[in-house]
Protein backbone atom coordinates (compact mmCIF):
# COMPACT_ATOMS: atom_id res chain seq x y z
CA MET A 1 174.41 89.75 -12.00
CA ARG A 2 173.09 86.78 -13.98
CA ILE A 3 169.48 85.61 -14.20
CA ASN A 4 170.11 82.42 -12.24
CA GLU A 5 171.37 84.53 -9.33
CA ILE A 6 168.11 86.44 -8.96
CA THR A 7 165.95 85.48 -5.99
CA GLN A 8 163.00 87.17 -4.31
CA GLU A 9 163.13 90.69 -2.88
CA GLN A 10 166.33 91.81 -4.57
CA LYS A 11 167.41 94.99 -6.25
CA VAL A 12 168.28 93.77 -9.73
CA ASN A 13 170.64 95.11 -12.37
CA VAL A 14 171.10 92.60 -15.17
CA LYS A 15 172.06 92.54 -18.85
CA CYS A 16 169.91 90.13 -20.82
CA LEU A 17 168.08 89.37 -24.04
CA ILE A 18 164.40 90.09 -24.62
CA SER A 19 163.18 86.76 -26.00
CA LYS A 20 159.49 87.66 -25.83
CA CYS A 21 157.85 91.08 -25.71
CA ASP A 22 154.06 91.36 -25.51
CA LYS A 23 152.34 94.73 -25.34
CA GLY A 24 149.23 95.25 -23.26
CA LYS A 25 147.07 97.82 -21.53
CA THR A 26 145.79 97.92 -17.98
CA VAL A 27 142.13 98.46 -17.09
CA LYS A 28 143.05 102.15 -16.85
CA ASP A 29 144.31 102.03 -20.45
CA THR A 30 147.96 102.42 -19.42
CA PRO A 31 150.48 100.63 -21.67
CA TYR A 32 152.71 97.92 -20.20
CA LEU A 33 155.05 95.18 -21.38
CA SER A 34 154.98 91.50 -20.48
CA LEU A 35 158.49 90.20 -21.05
CA ILE A 36 160.51 87.02 -21.08
CA LEU A 37 164.15 87.83 -20.43
CA GLU A 38 167.00 85.38 -20.82
CA ASP A 39 170.74 85.05 -20.62
CA ALA A 40 173.05 82.07 -20.81
CA THR A 41 172.02 81.00 -17.28
CA GLY A 42 168.22 81.01 -17.47
CA VAL A 43 164.94 82.78 -18.20
CA LEU A 44 162.89 85.25 -16.17
CA ASP A 45 159.35 86.56 -16.38
CA ALA A 46 159.16 90.36 -16.13
CA LYS A 47 156.62 93.18 -16.20
CA PHE A 48 157.27 96.81 -17.14
CA TRP A 49 154.34 98.89 -15.96
CA ASN A 50 153.16 102.48 -16.47
CA LEU A 51 154.73 103.17 -19.83
CA THR A 52 153.81 105.85 -22.33
CA ASN A 53 152.79 105.03 -25.89
CA GLU A 54 156.19 106.34 -27.03
CA GLN A 55 158.14 104.24 -24.53
CA ILE A 56 156.41 100.99 -25.35
CA GLU A 57 157.46 101.23 -29.00
CA GLN A 58 161.16 101.30 -28.07
CA TYR A 59 161.30 97.63 -27.10
CA LYS A 60 161.01 94.39 -29.07
CA ALA A 61 162.14 90.78 -28.97
CA GLY A 62 165.75 90.27 -29.98
CA GLN A 63 167.14 93.32 -28.20
CA VAL A 64 169.89 93.09 -25.59
CA VAL A 65 168.98 95.34 -22.68
CA GLU A 66 170.19 96.45 -19.29
CA VAL A 67 167.35 96.05 -16.82
CA ILE A 68 167.02 97.67 -13.41
CA GLY A 69 164.18 96.57 -11.17
CA ASP A 70 162.98 94.61 -8.18
CA SER A 71 162.38 90.88 -7.92
CA ILE A 72 159.17 89.64 -6.33
CA ILE A 73 157.34 86.36 -5.94
CA HIS A 74 154.33 86.14 -8.24
CA ARG A 75 152.32 82.92 -8.31
CA ASN A 76 155.13 81.24 -6.37
CA ALA A 77 157.78 82.07 -8.98
CA VAL A 78 160.31 84.88 -9.20
CA GLN A 79 159.19 87.79 -11.35
CA LEU A 80 160.98 91.03 -12.13
CA ARG A 81 159.23 94.38 -11.90
CA VAL A 82 161.19 96.60 -14.26
CA ARG A 83 161.90 100.19 -13.26
CA LYS A 84 164.27 101.06 -16.09
CA MET A 85 165.29 99.27 -19.29
CA THR A 86 168.01 100.48 -21.65
CA VAL A 87 168.63 99.00 -25.09
CA LEU A 88 172.31 98.06 -25.62
CA GLU A 89 172.88 98.48 -29.33
CA ASP A 90 176.42 97.11 -29.59
CA GLU A 91 176.06 93.91 -27.55
CA ASP A 92 176.51 90.53 -29.26
CA ILE A 93 173.24 88.62 -28.93
CA SER A 94 175.09 85.29 -28.94
CA ASN A 95 176.46 86.08 -25.48
CA TYR A 96 172.94 86.10 -24.02
CA VAL A 97 171.36 82.91 -25.33
CA ARG A 98 170.99 79.64 -23.47
CA LEU A 99 173.10 76.73 -24.64
CA ALA A 100 172.76 72.96 -24.39
CA PRO A 101 174.35 71.54 -21.22
CA MET A 102 176.82 69.66 -23.44
CA THR A 103 179.37 71.19 -25.78
CA ARG A 104 179.04 70.60 -29.50
CA THR A 105 182.11 68.35 -29.42
CA GLU A 106 180.60 66.26 -26.62
CA MET A 107 177.33 65.90 -28.53
CA GLU A 108 179.09 64.95 -31.76
CA GLU A 109 181.10 62.27 -29.96
CA GLU A 110 178.01 60.79 -28.32
CA VAL A 111 176.12 60.71 -31.62
CA LYS A 112 179.05 58.81 -33.17
CA ILE A 113 178.78 56.23 -30.38
CA LEU A 114 175.01 55.97 -30.87
CA MET A 115 175.48 55.46 -34.60
CA ASN A 116 177.39 52.26 -33.83
CA GLU A 117 174.11 50.78 -32.57
CA ILE A 118 172.69 50.94 -36.12
CA THR A 119 173.83 47.63 -37.59
CA ASN A 120 171.74 47.71 -40.79
CA THR A 121 174.14 49.13 -43.37
CA ASN A 122 171.48 50.84 -45.47
CA LEU A 123 169.87 52.41 -42.41
CA TYR A 124 173.26 53.56 -41.14
CA CYS A 125 174.13 55.16 -44.48
CA VAL A 126 170.85 57.07 -44.65
CA VAL A 127 171.21 58.46 -41.13
CA GLU A 128 174.89 59.26 -41.71
CA GLU A 129 174.09 61.15 -44.91
CA VAL A 130 171.32 63.19 -43.27
CA LEU A 131 173.61 64.15 -40.39
CA GLU A 132 176.38 65.03 -42.85
CA GLU A 133 174.00 67.28 -44.82
CA THR A 134 172.76 69.02 -41.68
CA LYS A 135 175.73 68.75 -39.27
CA ASP A 136 176.28 72.47 -38.71
CA LEU A 137 172.57 72.94 -38.02
CA PHE A 138 171.72 69.72 -36.16
CA TYR A 139 174.07 70.75 -33.35
CA THR A 140 172.95 74.39 -33.13
CA TYR A 141 169.19 74.43 -33.74
CA PRO A 142 166.69 74.29 -30.88
CA ALA A 143 164.21 71.44 -30.61
CA ALA A 144 161.27 73.86 -30.46
CA THR A 145 160.38 77.55 -30.38
CA ARG A 146 158.98 77.21 -26.86
CA ASN A 147 158.01 74.62 -24.25
CA HIS A 148 160.97 72.23 -24.46
CA HIS A 149 164.69 72.32 -25.33
CA ASN A 150 164.25 75.77 -26.88
CA PHE A 151 167.92 76.69 -26.65
CA VAL A 152 170.94 76.60 -28.94
CA GLY A 153 171.86 72.95 -29.43
CA GLY A 154 168.50 71.77 -28.11
CA LEU A 155 167.75 69.61 -31.16
CA ALA A 156 170.82 67.41 -30.75
CA TYR A 157 170.65 67.39 -26.96
CA HIS A 158 166.97 66.33 -26.96
CA SER A 159 167.79 63.49 -29.36
CA ILE A 160 170.75 62.34 -27.26
CA SER A 161 168.68 62.46 -24.07
CA MET A 162 166.02 60.26 -25.67
CA ALA A 163 168.61 57.83 -27.03
CA ARG A 164 170.21 57.33 -23.62
CA VAL A 165 166.90 56.16 -22.19
CA ALA A 166 166.22 54.10 -25.32
CA LEU A 167 169.32 51.99 -24.71
CA ASP A 168 168.03 51.03 -21.26
CA ILE A 169 164.58 50.26 -22.67
CA CYS A 170 166.12 47.95 -25.25
CA ARG A 171 167.86 46.01 -22.48
CA GLN A 172 164.50 45.47 -20.81
CA TYR A 173 162.68 44.67 -24.08
CA PRO A 174 165.26 42.83 -26.22
CA PHE A 175 162.76 42.14 -29.02
CA LEU A 176 163.05 45.80 -30.03
CA ASP A 177 165.25 46.65 -33.03
CA LYS A 178 167.74 48.87 -31.23
CA GLY A 179 169.31 50.19 -34.42
CA LEU A 180 165.98 51.21 -35.90
CA LEU A 181 164.95 52.90 -32.65
CA ILE A 182 168.20 54.90 -32.42
CA ALA A 183 167.92 55.85 -36.10
CA GLY A 184 164.35 57.04 -35.58
CA ILE A 185 165.34 59.08 -32.53
CA LEU A 186 168.20 60.79 -34.35
CA MET A 187 166.02 61.56 -37.37
CA HIS A 188 162.64 62.36 -35.80
CA ASP A 189 163.07 66.14 -35.45
CA VAL A 190 165.68 66.93 -38.10
CA GLY A 191 162.89 68.54 -40.14
CA LYS A 192 162.95 71.37 -37.56
CA ILE A 193 166.04 72.65 -39.39
CA ASP A 194 163.82 73.65 -42.32
CA GLU A 195 160.75 74.36 -40.20
CA LEU A 196 162.46 77.03 -38.08
CA SER A 197 164.36 80.15 -39.10
CA GLY A 198 167.52 79.68 -37.05
CA PRO A 199 169.13 78.80 -33.71
CA VAL A 200 168.40 82.13 -31.96
CA LEU A 201 164.85 83.45 -31.45
CA PRO A 202 163.49 81.08 -34.10
CA GLU A 203 160.30 81.71 -36.01
CA TYR A 204 158.42 79.39 -38.34
CA THR A 205 159.51 79.57 -41.97
CA ASN A 206 157.02 79.49 -44.83
CA GLU A 207 157.98 75.86 -45.41
CA GLY A 208 157.51 75.16 -41.71
CA ASN A 209 154.05 76.69 -41.63
CA LEU A 210 152.90 75.12 -44.90
CA LEU A 211 154.42 71.64 -44.54
CA GLY A 212 155.59 71.06 -40.96
CA HIS A 213 158.73 69.26 -39.85
CA ILE A 214 157.23 65.78 -40.10
CA SER A 215 156.43 65.94 -43.81
CA ILE A 216 159.64 67.89 -44.48
CA MET A 217 161.68 65.08 -42.96
CA ASN A 218 159.72 62.39 -44.77
CA ASN A 219 160.62 64.08 -48.06
CA ARG A 220 164.28 64.37 -47.05
CA LEU A 221 164.49 60.65 -46.28
CA ASP A 222 163.04 59.82 -49.70
CA ARG A 223 165.58 62.08 -51.38
CA VAL A 224 168.56 60.74 -49.42
CA ALA A 225 167.58 57.10 -50.00
CA GLU A 226 167.30 57.76 -53.74
CA LYS A 227 170.62 59.63 -53.75
CA LEU A 228 172.37 56.71 -52.06
CA GLY A 229 170.63 54.08 -54.18
CA VAL A 230 169.37 52.22 -51.12
CA ASN A 231 168.00 48.84 -52.18
CA ASP A 232 166.52 47.86 -48.80
CA LYS A 233 163.16 49.55 -49.29
CA GLU A 234 161.70 48.22 -46.04
CA CYS A 235 164.36 49.79 -43.81
CA VAL A 236 163.66 53.21 -45.35
CA LEU A 237 159.92 52.60 -45.10
CA LEU A 238 160.19 51.78 -41.39
CA LEU A 239 162.40 54.81 -40.71
CA LYS A 240 159.90 57.05 -42.49
CA HIS A 241 157.12 55.50 -40.41
CA MET A 242 159.07 56.33 -37.24
CA VAL A 243 159.24 59.98 -38.29
CA LEU A 244 155.63 60.19 -39.49
CA ALA A 245 154.19 58.58 -36.35
CA HIS A 246 156.33 60.22 -33.67
CA HIS A 247 153.67 62.67 -32.45
CA GLY A 248 151.61 59.66 -31.50
CA LYS A 249 148.18 60.93 -32.49
CA MET A 250 146.71 62.38 -35.65
CA GLU A 251 145.31 65.35 -33.73
CA PHE A 252 148.88 66.12 -32.64
CA GLY A 253 150.13 66.28 -36.23
CA SER A 254 151.11 62.71 -37.12
CA PRO A 255 149.45 61.43 -40.32
CA VAL A 256 149.67 57.84 -39.04
CA LEU A 257 149.67 56.14 -35.64
CA PRO A 258 152.66 54.08 -34.44
CA MET A 259 152.33 50.59 -35.94
CA ILE A 260 155.63 49.04 -34.89
CA PRO A 261 156.99 48.77 -31.33
CA GLU A 262 159.97 51.00 -32.09
CA ALA A 263 157.67 53.80 -33.25
CA GLU A 264 155.62 53.46 -30.07
CA VAL A 265 158.75 53.74 -27.92
CA LEU A 266 159.93 56.76 -29.92
CA THR A 267 156.62 58.51 -29.29
CA LEU A 268 156.75 57.79 -25.57
CA LEU A 269 160.38 58.92 -25.25
CA ASP A 270 159.75 62.13 -27.18
CA ASN A 271 156.87 62.97 -24.86
CA LEU A 272 158.76 61.92 -21.74
CA ASP A 273 161.85 63.98 -22.50
CA ALA A 274 159.83 67.08 -23.36
CA ARG A 275 157.71 66.78 -20.22
CA MET A 276 160.67 66.21 -17.92
CA TYR A 277 162.32 69.30 -19.38
CA MET A 278 159.22 71.43 -18.75
CA MET A 279 158.83 70.10 -15.21
CA LYS A 280 162.49 70.83 -14.45
CA GLN A 281 162.10 74.35 -15.80
CA SER A 282 159.13 74.91 -13.50
CA LEU A 283 161.04 73.56 -10.49
CA ASP A 284 163.99 75.83 -11.26
CA THR A 285 161.83 78.94 -10.95
CA THR A 286 159.59 77.85 -8.05
CA GLN A 287 160.27 78.14 -4.34
CA PRO A 288 160.41 74.83 -2.36
CA GLY A 289 157.10 74.06 -0.71
CA HIS A 290 155.13 75.88 -3.41
CA PHE A 291 153.43 75.22 -6.73
CA GLY A 292 154.74 76.88 -9.87
CA PRO A 293 152.55 78.68 -12.40
CA ARG A 294 150.33 76.59 -14.64
CA VAL A 295 152.17 75.05 -17.58
CA PHE A 296 149.96 75.13 -20.66
CA ALA A 297 151.79 72.27 -22.41
CA LEU A 298 151.33 70.08 -19.31
CA GLU A 299 147.54 70.28 -19.42
CA GLY A 300 147.63 73.48 -17.39
CA ARG A 301 149.05 71.72 -14.33
CA MET A 302 150.94 73.43 -11.53
CA ILE A 303 154.17 71.61 -10.63
CA TYR A 304 154.95 71.26 -6.92
CA HIS A 305 158.51 71.89 -5.73
CA ARG A 306 158.76 69.59 -2.76
CA LYS A 307 160.37 70.81 0.45
CA GLY A 308 163.94 69.73 1.04
CA GLU A 309 164.43 68.77 -2.59
CA ALA A 310 168.11 68.68 -3.49
CA GLU A 311 168.97 71.45 -5.92
CA GLU A 312 171.22 70.65 -8.86
């Protein structure tokens, strides 16, 4: 059985990865675990009740486990009530992680096509050098630790998804510098490679906590431009502005606000792609005709899964 095959009121036996493991106690002081389980097909909320203090210490994030339990509907989404959970010591964790919906080869080919939109030679060389320095990581890292595109290959896939929409936007608004916009999209989150610890169950590094991916990437662009001897200072300046402004607001972590149209579009596309991903995730785990659980990153909203909606 795979996670995406689990529906309500089933007897469940599934091998999966514990991606989140929070310990708690009931009002009667009985230990329990609140779990997020995942495999290559999806994620599942789970609860393991009525544990002893000894049992609760056996489990932690990063373990591959065999889970036996019963699926129920909780707050209009499928939840697993665990009856038994066995740690599988010899399982390869890489078999239980979610992957981008494109292969690495497919993503590399699409990025090559997108690079052809960057007609400024200096800008092209900077982006090319950054991707060359980070190529094994750009195509394997997630875009985030949670909320959106938090799967292997999520960083590249999120960037490609944004760029596809950007090309249509540039057709509607031809005054935009398409090459600069594509360059900004490809570069905006590359700092995550240093901010996060790795592709699987990532945590924030010391550099990530102390500097953040925006300033990390700003520094990388300075270094690469100097390494290449780029003489077009404005093109590098504008690319750095795209990266620095892409969170859109200072309270969201950007030290400056978008001051060129391309930076504004980048901010909107970043937000759009992340929000569409989170809404799709909610729909995937919610029964038609019902609201899903509140999504913190979407202002605590509940997403409605309309009746008769075609499932993909």
